[in-house]
Amino acid sequence: MKIAMLSPYSLSRPGGVVGQVHGLSRALAHFGHQVTVIGPDDERERGAGADLFVVGQPRGVPSNGSVAPVTLSPLASIRAERFVRRGGFDVLHLHEPLAPVLSYAFMVSPPVPMVGTYHRAGVSRWVPVLKPLVKLVGARMQVRVAVSEAARETAMRSSRGEYEVLVNGVDLERFTTVQAVRTDRPAVLFLGRHETRKGLNVLLDAFARVDRPAVLWVAGDGPQGEVQRRRHPESDRVHWLGLLSDEERDARLLGADVLCAPSLHGESFGVVVLEGMAARCSVVASDLQGYRAAAGGHATLVPPGDEGALARALGVALADAAEGSGQSSPDALKAAETHAQGWSMESLAERYVDVYERAIAAFTGNAR
């Protein structure tokens, strides 16, 4: 099958949607399918490669408590549509199809069968403004997929049509090719953008209240990074890692004892929770619908924004890590790892092949 997979977000910036795009395309290629990823990019020049077609330079657009790196160029959208129309693709897979603007050119006269995957939990501010176009986007899809019940509810409020739920996948193979980074004390790892929605300030304040020997690894960057770094400077207990490569990120996951996901809202699904389990971390996360669905009872969940509750949960998790008990016991870690393996990217790719085949059948039937 020849598949075009479109991301509205910069392909060179870490993020949940982009991680799914890259991971799913690799898994599909492993099964023998030909996948070309389409999207804006900060680092690569515009144009086509064997498995990549770059259209547009991204710019930061406030969205859902975050800053989305999307292109706002109508010409980029037109170039993407022409590339797909002329490329002989069997199906187009649009990730976050409501996000501006790459998917919009496909709504006039769709050149190929289309599958849309809706990742967002929480309606963005541009959706009411573009309501007629947003409804058209949903109506043009042959199959509509949401990554969680929270994302499904958001999509149904924004657009039209029926939505099936296929949760995000975890790329488990990558943990077999890197060496863990170890430390002399139990380590807590934060992975995410440094913005209010991700709750980094809550984690930093909570960790300051934990009196056990431990180190906090803070990965990533973002608009709140400098402010939070001034509040909690680099020290023996707090290490600011900056943006990490995929290999560095995985090495830290494998070396950490606790993965903390303290987001305040807007998380449709918890891939980072599953990644922590797959790397045999114990997980402490906010009690959000998306994280709860991913955890499956294998994580400690605390009320979002509750600094005291988070400090207490981290204290227990670090004690368990030091003693190899509780959530860090061999049996508990193995059970969580097994749970995460049930959400592998390979399993997700197999399910999407069925989705693509149904989209092609529906498109062909309508064309008769």
Protein backbone atom coordinates (compact mmCIF):
# COMPACT_ATOMS: atom_id res chain seq x y z
CA MET A 1 0.00 0.00 0.00
CA LYS A 2 1.26 3.49 -0.82
CA ILE A 3 0.38 5.83 2.05
CA ALA A 4 0.68 9.59 2.45
CA MET A 5 0.74 10.65 6.11
CA LEU A 6 0.29 14.34 6.89
CA SER A 7 1.26 16.18 10.07
CA PRO A 8 0.19 19.82 10.56
CA TYR A 9 2.98 20.26 13.13
CA SER A 10 6.69 20.74 12.54
CA LEU A 11 8.31 17.39 11.83
CA SER A 12 11.54 18.39 13.58
CA ARG A 13 10.03 19.46 16.92
CA PRO A 14 9.30 16.86 19.61
CA GLY A 15 5.62 16.40 20.31
CA GLY A 16 2.96 13.76 20.84
CA VAL A 17 1.37 13.96 17.39
CA VAL A 18 4.69 14.11 15.54
CA GLY A 19 5.96 11.17 17.57
CA GLN A 20 2.94 9.16 16.47
CA VAL A 21 3.44 10.18 12.84
CA HIS A 22 7.07 9.07 12.79
CA GLY A 23 6.49 5.92 14.85
CA LEU A 24 3.47 4.77 12.86
CA SER A 25 5.19 5.43 9.52
CA ARG A 26 8.18 3.31 10.62
CA ALA A 27 5.92 0.48 11.78
CA LEU A 28 3.97 0.51 8.52
CA ALA A 29 7.21 0.50 6.53
CA HIS A 30 8.35 -2.51 8.58
CA PHE A 31 5.29 -4.37 7.28
CA GLY A 32 6.23 -3.54 3.68
CA HIS A 33 4.07 -0.48 3.04
CA GLN A 34 5.47 2.63 1.35
CA VAL A 35 4.90 5.71 3.53
CA THR A 36 5.66 9.35 2.71
CA VAL A 37 5.36 11.82 5.58
CA ILE A 38 4.19 15.34 4.67
CA GLY A 39 4.47 18.40 6.89
CA PRO A 40 6.23 21.66 7.76
CA ASP A 41 9.76 21.58 9.10
CA ASP A 42 12.15 24.00 10.82
CA GLU A 43 15.33 22.28 9.73
CA ARG A 44 14.84 20.59 6.35
CA GLU A 45 14.43 22.45 3.07
CA ARG A 46 11.19 22.29 1.14
CA GLY A 47 10.91 19.42 -1.30
CA ALA A 48 10.50 15.69 -1.69
CA GLY A 49 12.66 12.82 -0.56
CA ALA A 50 12.14 9.09 -0.61
CA ASP A 51 9.90 9.14 2.46
CA LEU A 52 9.45 12.86 3.26
CA PHE A 53 7.84 15.88 1.62
CA VAL A 54 8.41 19.20 3.42
CA VAL A 55 5.88 21.99 2.86
CA GLY A 56 6.10 25.32 4.67
CA GLN A 57 7.93 26.88 7.60
CA PRO A 58 6.12 26.51 10.94
CA ARG A 59 5.25 29.37 13.25
CA GLY A 60 3.99 29.22 16.82
CA VAL A 61 0.22 29.53 17.19
CA PRO A 62 -1.37 29.52 20.69
CA SER A 63 -3.61 26.48 21.00
CA ASN A 64 -5.20 24.53 23.86
CA GLY A 65 -2.83 25.98 26.45
CA SER A 66 0.19 25.25 24.27
CA VAL A 67 1.95 26.71 21.22
CA ALA A 68 1.40 24.71 18.04
CA PRO A 69 4.21 24.87 15.42
CA VAL A 70 2.05 24.93 12.26
CA THR A 71 2.35 26.56 8.86
CA LEU A 72 -0.29 29.17 8.03
CA SER A 73 0.62 29.38 4.35
CA PRO A 74 -2.23 28.52 1.94
CA LEU A 75 0.45 27.85 -0.68
CA ALA A 76 1.90 25.11 1.52
CA SER A 77 -1.53 23.50 1.71
CA ILE A 78 -1.90 23.67 -2.07
CA ARG A 79 1.57 22.16 -2.59
CA ALA A 80 0.68 19.28 -0.26
CA GLU A 81 -2.57 18.62 -2.13
CA ARG A 82 -0.83 18.63 -5.52
CA PHE A 83 1.88 16.29 -4.25
CA VAL A 84 -0.73 13.78 -3.06
CA ARG A 85 -2.86 14.14 -6.19
CA ARG A 86 0.12 13.41 -8.46
CA GLY A 87 1.80 10.84 -6.24
CA GLY A 88 -0.27 7.74 -6.94
CA PHE A 89 -1.12 7.21 -3.27
CA ASP A 90 -3.72 4.67 -2.18
CA VAL A 91 -4.75 6.59 0.92
CA LEU A 92 -4.06 9.84 2.78
CA HIS A 93 -3.81 9.75 6.57
CA LEU A 94 -4.40 13.20 8.09
CA HIS A 95 -3.31 13.66 11.70
CA GLU A 96 -5.15 16.39 13.62
CA PRO A 97 -7.13 17.39 10.50
CA LEU A 98 -8.78 20.39 12.18
CA ALA A 99 -5.42 22.10 12.77
CA PRO A 100 -4.59 24.85 10.24
CA VAL A 101 -3.88 24.80 7.42
CA LEU A 102 -2.32 21.86 5.57
CA SER A 103 -5.40 19.65 5.48
CA TYR A 104 -7.77 22.33 4.22
CA ALA A 105 -6.87 22.13 0.51
CA PHE A 106 -7.95 18.46 0.48
CA MET A 107 -11.54 19.37 1.30
CA VAL A 108 -12.55 20.81 -2.09
CA SER A 109 -12.12 17.66 -4.16
CA PRO A 110 -10.35 14.89 -2.23
CA PRO A 111 -7.90 13.18 -4.60
CA VAL A 112 -7.63 9.91 -2.67
CA PRO A 113 -9.41 8.11 0.20
CA MET A 114 -8.81 9.93 3.51
CA VAL A 115 -8.48 8.82 7.11
CA GLY A 116 -8.45 11.44 9.86
CA THR A 117 -6.96 10.90 13.32
CA TYR A 118 -8.10 13.38 15.96
CA HIS A 119 -5.64 13.76 18.84
CA ARG A 120 -6.84 16.84 20.68
CA ALA A 121 -8.81 16.99 23.93
CA GLY A 122 -10.29 20.48 24.24
CA VAL A 123 -11.63 22.69 21.45
CA SER A 124 -9.10 25.17 20.06
CA ARG A 125 -10.00 28.82 19.68
CA TRP A 126 -9.83 28.69 15.87
CA VAL A 127 -12.55 26.00 15.64
CA PRO A 128 -15.58 28.30 16.29
CA VAL A 129 -14.13 30.87 13.87
CA LEU A 130 -13.76 28.28 11.09
CA LYS A 131 -16.90 26.30 11.94
CA PRO A 132 -18.19 25.78 8.35
CA LEU A 133 -14.77 24.63 7.15
CA VAL A 134 -14.28 22.45 10.23
CA LYS A 135 -17.56 20.64 9.53
CA LEU A 136 -16.51 20.11 5.92
CA VAL A 137 -13.20 18.60 7.03
CA GLY A 138 -15.04 15.98 9.07
CA ALA A 139 -17.55 15.24 6.32
CA ARG A 140 -14.84 14.57 3.71
CA MET A 141 -13.16 11.74 5.65
CA GLN A 142 -14.00 8.15 4.75
CA VAL A 143 -12.96 7.03 8.25
CA ARG A 144 -12.55 9.19 11.36
CA VAL A 145 -10.44 7.98 14.27
CA ALA A 146 -9.95 9.47 17.75
CA VAL A 147 -7.04 8.51 20.00
CA SER A 148 -9.17 8.41 23.15
CA GLU A 149 -12.70 8.94 24.40
CA ALA A 150 -11.68 12.48 25.39
CA ALA A 151 -10.47 13.18 21.85
CA ARG A 152 -13.62 11.60 20.43
CA GLU A 153 -15.82 13.88 22.53
CA THR A 154 -13.86 16.92 21.35
CA ALA A 155 -14.08 15.87 17.71
CA MET A 156 -17.83 15.30 17.92
CA ARG A 157 -18.32 18.79 19.39
CA SER A 158 -16.21 20.32 16.62
CA SER A 159 -17.20 18.45 13.50
CA ARG A 160 -19.60 15.84 12.15
CA GLY A 161 -19.62 12.10 11.50
CA GLU A 162 -18.92 8.94 13.47
CA TYR A 163 -15.60 8.37 15.25
CA GLU A 164 -13.97 5.12 16.28
CA VAL A 165 -11.30 5.01 18.98
CA LEU A 166 -7.79 3.74 18.22
CA VAL A 167 -5.41 4.75 20.98
CA ASN A 168 -1.87 5.92 20.28
CA GLY A 169 0.95 3.42 20.08
CA VAL A 170 4.30 3.06 21.81
CA ASP A 171 7.48 2.38 19.85
CA LEU A 172 8.93 -0.34 22.06
CA GLU A 173 11.81 -1.39 19.81
CA ARG A 174 13.76 1.78 20.48
CA PHE A 175 14.39 0.80 24.11
CA THR A 176 16.45 -2.18 22.97
CA THR A 177 19.10 -0.11 21.19
CA VAL A 178 20.25 2.43 23.81
CA GLN A 179 22.23 2.29 27.05
CA ALA A 180 20.55 3.60 30.18
CA VAL A 181 21.92 6.71 31.90
CA ARG A 182 22.38 5.87 35.58
CA THR A 183 22.73 8.06 38.66
CA ASP A 184 23.81 7.51 42.26
CA ARG A 185 20.31 8.29 43.61
CA PRO A 186 16.76 7.51 42.53
CA ALA A 187 15.87 9.75 39.59
CA VAL A 188 12.57 11.40 38.65
CA LEU A 189 12.19 12.30 34.97
CA PHE A 190 10.01 15.01 33.40
CA LEU A 191 9.47 14.93 29.62
CA GLY A 192 7.47 17.70 27.98
CA ARG A 193 7.26 21.29 26.86
CA HIS A 194 7.94 23.91 29.50
CA GLU A 195 4.52 25.54 29.44
CA THR A 196 1.80 26.06 32.01
CA ARG A 197 -0.39 23.23 30.71
CA LYS A 198 2.30 20.62 31.34
CA GLY A 199 2.52 21.41 35.07
CA LEU A 200 6.31 21.69 35.32
CA ASN A 201 6.03 24.46 37.92
CA VAL A 202 3.88 22.18 40.09
CA LEU A 203 6.42 19.37 39.82
CA LEU A 204 9.36 21.61 40.68
CA ASP A 205 7.63 23.00 43.76
CA ALA A 206 6.48 19.54 44.82
CA PHE A 207 9.95 18.03 44.38
CA ALA A 208 11.43 20.80 46.54
CA ARG A 209 9.24 19.47 49.38
CA VAL A 210 10.51 15.89 49.03
CA ASP A 211 13.25 15.24 51.59
CA ARG A 212 14.46 11.88 50.29
CA PRO A 213 17.81 11.60 48.42
CA ALA A 214 16.84 11.98 44.76
CA VAL A 215 17.50 13.88 41.56
CA LEU A 216 15.00 15.49 39.19
CA TRP A 217 15.83 15.37 35.47
CA VAL A 218 13.99 18.06 33.51
CA ALA A 219 14.04 17.50 29.76
CA GLY A 220 12.62 19.72 27.02
CA ASP A 221 12.19 23.45 26.60
CA GLY A 222 9.43 26.00 26.10
CA PRO A 223 8.15 29.47 27.03
CA GLN A 224 8.13 28.80 30.78
CA GLY A 225 11.57 27.22 30.87
CA GLU A 226 13.64 30.27 31.75
CA VAL A 227 11.21 31.44 34.44
CA GLN A 228 11.15 28.04 36.09
CA ARG A 229 14.91 27.68 35.84
CA ARG A 230 15.36 30.95 37.72
CA ARG A 231 12.98 29.70 40.42
CA HIS A 232 14.74 26.33 40.65
CA PRO A 233 18.32 26.72 39.35
CA GLU A 234 20.61 23.88 38.35
CA SER A 235 21.74 22.12 41.51
CA ASP A 236 22.76 18.77 42.91
CA ARG A 237 19.08 17.84 43.01
CA VAL A 238 17.66 19.51 39.89
CA HIS A 239 19.31 18.91 36.51
CA TRP A 240 18.09 20.82 33.43
CA LEU A 241 18.75 18.62 30.39
CA GLY A 242 17.36 20.79 27.58
CA LEU A 243 16.09 19.30 24.34
CA LEU A 244 17.16 15.68 23.96
CA SER A 245 17.65 13.57 20.88
CA ASP A 246 15.49 10.46 20.63
CA GLU A 247 18.40 8.32 21.80
CA GLU A 248 19.16 10.60 24.78
CA ARG A 249 15.48 10.68 25.72
CA ASP A 250 15.25 6.88 25.69
CA ALA A 251 18.48 6.53 27.67
CA ARG A 252 17.07 8.81 30.39
CA LEU A 253 13.79 6.89 30.44
CA LEU A 254 15.67 3.63 30.92
CA GLY A 255 17.80 5.17 33.67
CA ALA A 256 15.02 6.91 35.59
CA ASP A 257 13.21 5.33 38.52
CA VAL A 258 10.10 7.50 38.35
CA LEU A 259 8.42 9.13 35.34
CA CYS A 260 6.31 12.12 36.38
CA ALA A 261 3.60 13.57 34.11
CA PRO A 262 2.06 16.48 36.08
CA SER A 263 -0.07 18.04 33.29
CA LEU A 264 -2.96 20.25 34.32
CA HIS A 265 -5.34 19.63 31.38
CA GLY A 266 -5.59 18.99 27.64
CA GLU A 267 -4.09 15.48 27.51
CA SER A 268 -6.23 13.29 25.27
CA PHE A 269 -4.07 10.21 25.86
CA GLY A 270 -0.99 9.32 27.86
CA VAL A 271 1.69 7.97 25.54
CA VAL A 272 4.35 9.30 27.92
CA VAL A 273 2.75 7.21 30.69
CA LEU A 274 3.02 4.08 28.56
CA GLU A 275 6.59 4.94 27.59
CA GLY A 276 7.52 5.20 31.26
CA MET A 277 6.00 1.79 31.95
CA ALA A 278 7.70 0.26 28.91
CA ALA A 279 11.04 1.56 30.22
CA ARG A 280 10.27 0.03 33.67
CA CYS A 281 9.79 3.31 35.50
CA SER A 282 7.14 3.69 38.14
CA VAL A 283 4.74 6.41 37.02
CA VAL A 284 3.26 9.34 38.94
CA ALA A 285 0.81 11.38 36.87
CA SER A 286 -2.10 13.78 37.09
CA ASP A 287 -5.52 12.19 37.33
CA LEU A 288 -6.68 13.20 33.85
CA GLN A 289 -8.98 11.11 31.68
CA GLY A 290 -6.32 10.47 29.05
CA TYR A 291 -3.65 9.46 31.56
CA ARG A 292 -6.12 7.29 33.48
CA ALA A 293 -7.04 5.40 30.32
CA ALA A 294 -3.39 4.77 29.44
CA ALA A 295 -2.32 3.78 32.97
CA GLY A 296 -4.80 0.94 33.39
CA GLY A 297 -4.30 0.94 37.15
CA HIS A 298 -0.49 0.74 36.96
CA ALA A 299 0.30 4.36 37.90
CA THR A 300 -0.15 6.63 40.90
CA LEU A 301 -2.60 9.39 39.94
CA VAL A 302 -2.97 12.67 41.84
CA PRO A 303 -5.31 15.65 41.41
CA PRO A 304 -3.94 18.03 38.73
CA GLY A 305 -2.19 21.05 40.22
CA ASP A 306 -2.17 19.67 43.78
CA GLU A 307 1.41 20.33 44.85
CA GLY A 308 1.04 18.65 48.23
CA ALA A 309 -0.49 15.47 46.82
CA LEU A 310 2.21 15.30 44.16
CA ALA A 311 4.98 15.73 46.76
CA ARG A 312 3.52 12.91 48.85
CA ALA A 313 3.18 10.62 45.83
CA LEU A 314 6.76 11.32 44.75
CA GLY A 315 8.00 10.61 48.27
CA VAL A 316 6.31 7.21 48.25
CA ALA A 317 7.51 6.44 44.73
CA LEU A 318 11.11 7.31 45.61
CA ALA A 319 10.97 5.22 48.78
CA ASP A 320 9.65 2.30 46.72
CA ALA A 321 12.45 2.83 44.18
CA ALA A 322 15.12 2.77 46.87
CA GLU A 323 13.68 -0.37 48.46
CA GLY A 324 12.46 -2.19 45.34
CA SER A 325 9.00 -2.39 46.82
CA GLY A 326 5.46 -1.22 46.06
CA GLN A 327 5.12 0.18 42.57
CA SER A 328 8.86 -0.40 42.01
CA SER A 329 8.80 -4.05 42.99
CA PRO A 330 9.87 -6.47 40.24
CA ASP A 331 6.33 -7.85 39.92
CA ALA A 332 4.72 -4.40 39.70
CA LEU A 333 7.24 -3.13 37.14
CA LYS A 334 6.79 -6.27 35.05
CA ALA A 335 3.01 -5.98 35.14
CA ALA A 336 3.20 -2.33 34.03
CA GLU A 337 5.67 -3.20 31.27
CA THR A 338 3.38 -5.97 30.03
CA HIS A 339 0.46 -3.54 30.03
CA ALA A 340 2.46 -1.07 27.92
CA GLN A 341 3.45 -3.79 25.45
CA GLY A 342 -0.23 -4.25 24.62
CA TRP A 343 -0.16 -0.76 23.07
CA SER A 344 2.77 -1.33 20.73
CA MET A 345 3.17 0.70 17.55
CA GLU A 346 3.24 -2.52 15.53
CA SER A 347 -0.22 -3.52 16.81
CA LEU A 348 -1.50 -0.03 16.01
CA ALA A 349 -0.08 -0.22 12.47
CA GLU A 350 -1.91 -3.48 11.84
CA ARG A 351 -5.17 -1.89 12.96
CA TYR A 352 -4.61 1.12 10.70
CA VAL A 353 -4.07 -1.13 7.68
CA ASP A 354 -7.64 -2.35 8.22
CA VAL A 355 -8.80 1.28 8.56
CA TYR A 356 -7.07 2.21 5.29
CA GLU A 357 -8.68 -0.72 3.47
CA ARG A 358 -12.13 0.32 4.69
CA ALA A 359 -11.49 3.93 3.63
CA ILE A 360 -10.43 2.79 0.14
CA ALA A 361 -13.51 0.59 -0.18
CA ALA A 362 -15.81 3.44 0.88
CA PHE A 363 -14.12 5.92 -1.50
CA THR A 364 -14.30 3.50 -4.42
CA GLY A 365 -17.94 2.70 -3.71
CA ASN A 366 -18.90 6.39 -3.65
CA ALA A 367 -17.05 6.99 -6.92
CA ARG A 368 -19.19 4.44 -8.83
